[in-house]
Amino acid sequence: MSPAGDLQRTLAKANIFIPLGIGAGSLIGGLLPMLTSDLTESVSWMNRYSVNLLLMVAMVLIQMGLTITLVRETTLKEGVEAFYKGSKRFPRYYPMP
């Protein structure tokens, strides 16, 4: 997002998906133990909620992979002097109230 962009509008759009995600996760998390109870009873190390945990681990791994792949950050390689120079200029651009 650009510095001149409308942050409030963007956050409002993002906040639509948070309750939808919580609701979908609640429904899926409640249905999975019921739907996979036959499978989990036949495996000795699993209980009723193991599928929920395995799905969560898989989703976290997918999220990490997508983050590593899609998020590109640029790093400044100007050195320590540029950092100090920028720190000295900071009060001029962002005055304290």
C-alpha atoms as a PDB file:
ATOM      1  CA  MET A   1       0.000   0.000   0.000  1.00  0.00           C
ATOM      2  CA  SER A   2       1.265   3.450  -0.801  1.00  0.00           C
ATOM      3  CA  PRO A   3       1.795   6.064   1.921  1.00  0.00           C
ATOM      4  CA  ALA A   4      -1.004   8.147   0.433  1.00  0.00           C
ATOM      5  CA  GLY A   5      -3.437   5.204   0.453  1.00  0.00           C
ATOM      6  CA  ASP A   6      -6.595   4.977   2.545  1.00  0.00           C
ATOM      7  CA  LEU A   7      -5.636   2.773   5.510  1.00  0.00           C
ATOM      8  CA  GLN A   8      -9.104   2.832   7.065  1.00  0.00           C
ATOM      9  CA  ARG A   9     -10.740   1.552   3.883  1.00  0.00           C
ATOM     10  CA  THR A  10      -8.164  -1.221   3.506  1.00  0.00           C
ATOM     11  CA  LEU A  11      -8.516  -2.337   7.129  1.00  0.00           C
ATOM     12  CA  ALA A  12     -12.320  -2.309   6.797  1.00  0.00           C
ATOM     13  CA  LYS A  13     -12.065  -4.686   3.844  1.00  0.00           C
ATOM     14  CA  ALA A  14      -9.637  -6.935   5.719  1.00  0.00           C
ATOM     15  CA  ASN A  15     -11.889  -6.987   8.792  1.00  0.00           C
ATOM     16  CA  ILE A  16     -14.679  -8.536   6.753  1.00  0.00           C
ATOM     17  CA  PHE A  17     -12.693 -11.733   6.402  1.00  0.00           C
ATOM     18  CA  ILE A  18     -11.694 -12.123  10.069  1.00  0.00           C
ATOM     19  CA  PRO A  19     -15.165 -13.097  11.376  1.00  0.00           C
ATOM     20  CA  LEU A  20     -15.765 -15.197   8.264  1.00  0.00           C
ATOM     21  CA  GLY A  21     -12.548 -17.097   8.944  1.00  0.00           C
ATOM     22  CA  ILE A  22     -13.405 -17.596  12.600  1.00  0.00           C
ATOM     23  CA  GLY A  23     -16.852 -18.869  11.690  1.00  0.00           C
ATOM     24  CA  ALA A  24     -15.572 -21.237   8.995  1.00  0.00           C
ATOM     25  CA  GLY A  25     -12.844 -22.510  11.317  1.00  0.00           C
ATOM     26  CA  SER A  26     -15.390 -23.173  14.062  1.00  0.00           C
ATOM     27  CA  LEU A  27     -17.665 -25.100  11.733  1.00  0.00           C
ATOM     28  CA  ILE A  28     -14.841 -27.135  10.205  1.00  0.00           C
ATOM     29  CA  GLY A  29     -13.258 -27.735  13.613  1.00  0.00           C
ATOM     30  CA  GLY A  30     -16.546 -29.108  14.912  1.00  0.00           C
ATOM     31  CA  LEU A  31     -17.337 -31.234  11.861  1.00  0.00           C
ATOM     32  CA  LEU A  32     -13.914 -32.850  11.445  1.00  0.00           C
ATOM     33  CA  PRO A  33     -14.007 -34.930  14.652  1.00  0.00           C
ATOM     34  CA  MET A  34     -17.483 -36.199  13.771  1.00  0.00           C
ATOM     35  CA  LEU A  35     -16.585 -37.048  10.175  1.00  0.00           C
ATOM     36  CA  THR A  36     -13.234 -38.690  10.904  1.00  0.00           C
ATOM     37  CA  SER A  37     -14.077 -40.592  14.102  1.00  0.00           C
ATOM     38  CA  ASP A  38     -13.870 -43.997  12.330  1.00  0.00           C
ATOM     39  CA  LEU A  39     -10.413 -43.187  10.980  1.00  0.00           C
ATOM     40  CA  THR A  40      -9.039 -41.896  14.280  1.00  0.00           C
ATOM     41  CA  GLU A  41     -10.371 -44.848  16.291  1.00  0.00           C
ATOM     42  CA  SER A  42      -8.527 -47.291  14.064  1.00  0.00           C
ATOM     43  CA  VAL A  43      -5.129 -45.600  14.619  1.00  0.00           C
ATOM     44  CA  SER A  44      -3.682 -46.189  18.074  1.00  0.00           C
ATOM     45  CA  TRP A  45      -1.876 -42.859  18.522  1.00  0.00           C
ATOM     46  CA  MET A  46      -4.783 -40.701  17.386  1.00  0.00           C
ATOM     47  CA  ASN A  47      -7.779 -39.455  19.300  1.00  0.00           C
ATOM     48  CA  ARG A  48     -10.932 -37.672  18.194  1.00  0.00           C
ATOM     49  CA  TYR A  49      -9.230 -34.273  17.786  1.00  0.00           C
ATOM     50  CA  SER A  50      -5.981 -35.391  16.135  1.00  0.00           C
ATOM     51  CA  VAL A  51      -7.266 -34.539  12.664  1.00  0.00           C
ATOM     52  CA  ASN A  52      -7.887 -30.942  13.800  1.00  0.00           C
ATOM     53  CA  LEU A  53      -4.306 -30.689  15.027  1.00  0.00           C
ATOM     54  CA  LEU A  54      -2.873 -32.265  11.868  1.00  0.00           C
ATOM     55  CA  LEU A  55      -4.917 -29.898   9.683  1.00  0.00           C
ATOM     56  CA  MET A  56      -3.727 -26.906  11.714  1.00  0.00           C
ATOM     57  CA  VAL A  57      -0.077 -27.966  11.330  1.00  0.00           C
ATOM     58  CA  ALA A  58      -0.588 -28.405   7.572  1.00  0.00           C
ATOM     59  CA  MET A  59      -2.203 -24.947   7.273  1.00  0.00           C
ATOM     60  CA  VAL A  60       0.625 -23.303   9.230  1.00  0.00           C
ATOM     61  CA  LEU A  61       3.203 -24.955   6.961  1.00  0.00           C
ATOM     62  CA  ILE A  62       1.306 -23.783   3.876  1.00  0.00           C
ATOM     63  CA  GLN A  63       1.105 -20.254   5.309  1.00  0.00           C
ATOM     64  CA  MET A  64       4.843 -20.238   6.024  1.00  0.00           C
ATOM     65  CA  GLY A  65       5.609 -21.447   2.513  1.00  0.00           C
ATOM     66  CA  LEU A  66       3.356 -18.838   0.915  1.00  0.00           C
ATOM     67  CA  THR A  67       4.841 -16.092   3.095  1.00  0.00           C
ATOM     68  CA  ILE A  68       8.392 -17.056   2.177  1.00  0.00           C
ATOM     69  CA  THR A  69       7.458 -17.271  -1.500  1.00  0.00           C
ATOM     70  CA  LEU A  70       5.189 -14.264  -1.945  1.00  0.00           C
ATOM     71  CA  VAL A  71       6.457 -11.626   0.494  1.00  0.00           C
ATOM     72  CA  ARG A  72       9.498  -9.800  -0.815  1.00  0.00           C
ATOM     73  CA  GLU A  73      11.198  -7.241   1.371  1.00  0.00           C
ATOM     74  CA  THR A  74      13.931  -4.970   0.209  1.00  0.00           C
ATOM     75  CA  THR A  75      16.818  -4.405   2.567  1.00  0.00           C
ATOM     76  CA  LEU A  76      18.946  -1.327   2.617  1.00  0.00           C
ATOM     77  CA  LYS A  77      22.638  -2.072   2.394  1.00  0.00           C
ATOM     78  CA  GLU A  78      23.915   1.430   2.989  1.00  0.00           C
ATOM     79  CA  GLY A  79      25.606   0.654   6.278  1.00  0.00           C
ATOM     80  CA  VAL A  80      25.664   2.121   9.748  1.00  0.00           C
ATOM     81  CA  GLU A  81      26.417   5.661   8.616  1.00  0.00           C
ATOM     82  CA  ALA A  82      23.159   5.862   6.662  1.00  0.00           C
ATOM     83  CA  PHE A  83      21.280   4.687   9.753  1.00  0.00           C
ATOM     84  CA  TYR A  84      22.755   7.441  11.921  1.00  0.00           C
ATOM     85  CA  LYS A  85      22.180  10.023   9.202  1.00  0.00           C
ATOM     86  CA  GLY A  86      18.526   9.033   8.944  1.00  0.00           C
ATOM     87  CA  SER A  87      18.135   9.027  12.724  1.00  0.00           C
ATOM     88  CA  LYS A  88      19.440  12.591  12.920  1.00  0.00           C
ATOM     89  CA  ARG A  89      16.949  13.710  10.233  1.00  0.00           C
ATOM     90  CA  PHE A  90      13.997  11.975  11.926  1.00  0.00           C
ATOM     91  CA  PRO A  91      12.827  14.892  14.139  1.00  0.00           C
ATOM     92  CA  ARG A  92      12.707  17.235  11.129  1.00  0.00           C
ATOM     93  CA  TYR A  93      10.283  14.999   9.222  1.00  0.00           C
ATOM     94  CA  TYR A  94       8.203  13.751  12.137  1.00  0.00           C
ATOM     95  CA  PRO A  95       7.953  16.489  14.782  1.00  0.00           C
ATOM     96  CA  MET A  96       6.756  15.451  18.204  1.00  0.00           C
ATOM     97  CA  PRO A  97       3.442  17.007  19.335  1.00  0.00           C
END
